[in-house]
Amino acid sequence: MLDFFEEYPLYLLAGIGELFALAWTIGLLVWARRVRRATNSPEG
């Protein structure tokens, strides 16, 4: 049980890191598309 509680946070952080990286990549692609389409009226 002690090993589980010691290693669990690492797995949790790794999972959150992967989800964050995936969401950031998708957000960056969507943002790039918006900037390319609406170059006349850029949104902050």
N, C-alpha and C. Protein backbone atom coordinates (compact mmCIF):
# COMPACT_ATOMS: atom_id res chain seq x y z
N MET A 1 0.83 -1.21 0.00
CA MET A 1 0.00 0.00 0.00
C MET A 1 0.87 1.26 0.00
N LEU A 2 2.01 1.19 0.69
CA LEU A 2 2.87 2.36 0.79
C LEU A 2 3.44 2.72 -0.58
N ASP A 3 3.83 1.69 -1.35
CA ASP A 3 4.37 1.94 -2.69
C ASP A 3 3.31 2.58 -3.58
N PHE A 4 2.07 2.14 -3.43
CA PHE A 4 0.99 2.67 -4.26
C PHE A 4 0.81 4.17 -4.00
N PHE A 5 0.80 4.55 -2.73
CA PHE A 5 0.60 5.96 -2.38
C PHE A 5 1.80 6.81 -2.78
N GLU A 6 2.96 6.19 -2.88
CA GLU A 6 4.15 6.94 -3.26
C GLU A 6 4.22 7.14 -4.78
N GLU A 7 3.75 6.15 -5.53
CA GLU A 7 3.85 6.23 -6.99
C GLU A 7 2.61 6.82 -7.64
N TYR A 8 1.48 6.81 -6.95
CA TYR A 8 0.24 7.29 -7.55
C TYR A 8 0.33 8.74 -8.04
N PRO A 9 0.87 9.69 -7.24
CA PRO A 9 0.97 11.08 -7.71
C PRO A 9 1.76 11.20 -9.01
N LEU A 10 2.75 10.37 -9.20
CA LEU A 10 3.54 10.43 -10.44
C LEU A 10 2.68 10.07 -11.64
N TYR A 11 1.88 9.01 -11.50
CA TYR A 11 1.00 8.60 -12.59
C TYR A 11 -0.05 9.69 -12.84
N LEU A 12 -0.55 10.30 -11.77
CA LEU A 12 -1.57 11.34 -11.90
C LEU A 12 -0.99 12.54 -12.63
N LEU A 13 0.21 12.98 -12.23
CA LEU A 13 0.84 14.12 -12.89
C LEU A 13 1.15 13.81 -14.35
N ALA A 14 1.56 12.59 -14.63
CA ALA A 14 1.86 12.20 -16.01
C ALA A 14 0.59 12.25 -16.86
N GLY A 15 -0.51 11.76 -16.33
CA GLY A 15 -1.77 11.78 -17.07
C GLY A 15 -2.23 13.21 -17.32
N ILE A 16 -2.13 14.07 -16.29
CA ILE A 16 -2.53 15.46 -16.45
C ILE A 16 -1.62 16.15 -17.46
N GLY A 17 -0.33 15.83 -17.43
CA GLY A 17 0.61 16.43 -18.37
C GLY A 17 0.27 16.07 -19.80
N GLU A 18 -0.11 14.80 -20.03
CA GLU A 18 -0.45 14.37 -21.39
C GLU A 18 -1.72 15.07 -21.86
N LEU A 19 -2.73 15.16 -20.99
CA LEU A 19 -3.98 15.82 -21.37
C LEU A 19 -3.74 17.30 -21.64
N PHE A 20 -2.90 17.93 -20.80
CA PHE A 20 -2.61 19.35 -20.98
C PHE A 20 -1.88 19.59 -22.30
N ALA A 21 -0.91 18.72 -22.60
CA ALA A 21 -0.16 18.87 -23.85
C ALA A 21 -1.07 18.69 -25.05
N LEU A 22 -1.97 17.71 -24.98
CA LEU A 22 -2.89 17.46 -26.09
C LEU A 22 -3.83 18.65 -26.28
N ALA A 23 -4.40 19.15 -25.18
CA ALA A 23 -5.31 20.28 -25.26
C ALA A 23 -4.59 21.52 -25.77
N TRP A 24 -3.34 21.73 -25.33
CA TRP A 24 -2.57 22.90 -25.76
C TRP A 24 -2.28 22.83 -27.26
N THR A 25 -1.95 21.63 -27.74
CA THR A 25 -1.67 21.46 -29.17
C THR A 25 -2.91 21.74 -30.01
N ILE A 26 -4.06 21.20 -29.60
CA ILE A 26 -5.30 21.43 -30.33
C ILE A 26 -5.66 22.91 -30.30
N GLY A 27 -5.52 23.53 -29.13
CA GLY A 27 -5.83 24.95 -29.00
C GLY A 27 -4.94 25.80 -29.89
N LEU A 28 -3.66 25.43 -29.98
CA LEU A 28 -2.73 26.18 -30.82
C LEU A 28 -3.12 26.06 -32.29
N LEU A 29 -3.52 24.87 -32.72
CA LEU A 29 -3.92 24.67 -34.12
C LEU A 29 -5.18 25.48 -34.44
N VAL A 30 -6.15 25.45 -33.52
CA VAL A 30 -7.39 26.20 -33.74
C VAL A 30 -7.10 27.70 -33.76
N TRP A 31 -6.22 28.16 -32.86
CA TRP A 31 -5.87 29.58 -32.80
C TRP A 31 -5.17 30.00 -34.10
N ALA A 32 -4.29 29.14 -34.61
CA ALA A 32 -3.57 29.45 -35.85
C ALA A 32 -4.56 29.57 -37.01
N ARG A 33 -5.56 28.70 -37.06
CA ARG A 33 -6.55 28.76 -38.13
C ARG A 33 -7.33 30.06 -38.05
N ARG A 34 -7.71 30.47 -36.83
CA ARG A 34 -8.48 31.70 -36.66
C ARG A 34 -7.65 32.90 -37.10
N VAL A 35 -6.36 32.90 -36.75
CA VAL A 35 -5.50 34.02 -37.11
C VAL A 35 -5.33 34.09 -38.62
N ARG A 36 -5.19 32.94 -39.25
CA ARG A 36 -5.02 32.92 -40.71
C ARG A 36 -6.27 33.40 -41.42
N ARG A 37 -7.43 32.99 -40.92
CA ARG A 37 -8.68 33.38 -41.57
C ARG A 37 -9.01 34.85 -41.33
N ALA A 38 -8.89 35.28 -40.09
CA ALA A 38 -9.29 36.65 -39.73
C ALA A 38 -8.07 37.51 -39.48
N THR A 39 -7.27 37.70 -40.52
CA THR A 39 -6.08 38.54 -40.35
C THR A 39 -6.48 40.02 -40.32
N ASN A 40 -7.66 40.34 -40.87
CA ASN A 40 -8.11 41.73 -40.89
C ASN A 40 -8.58 42.17 -39.50
N SER A 41 -9.19 41.25 -38.75
CA SER A 41 -9.68 41.59 -37.41
C SER A 41 -9.18 40.56 -36.41
N PRO A 42 -7.94 40.68 -35.99
CA PRO A 42 -7.36 39.71 -35.03
C PRO A 42 -8.02 39.83 -33.66
N GLU A 43 -8.27 38.68 -33.07
CA GLU A 43 -8.89 38.67 -31.74
C GLU A 43 -7.83 38.42 -30.68
N GLY A 44 -7.85 39.23 -29.64
CA GLY A 44 -6.86 39.08 -28.58
C GLY A 44 -7.18 37.88 -27.75
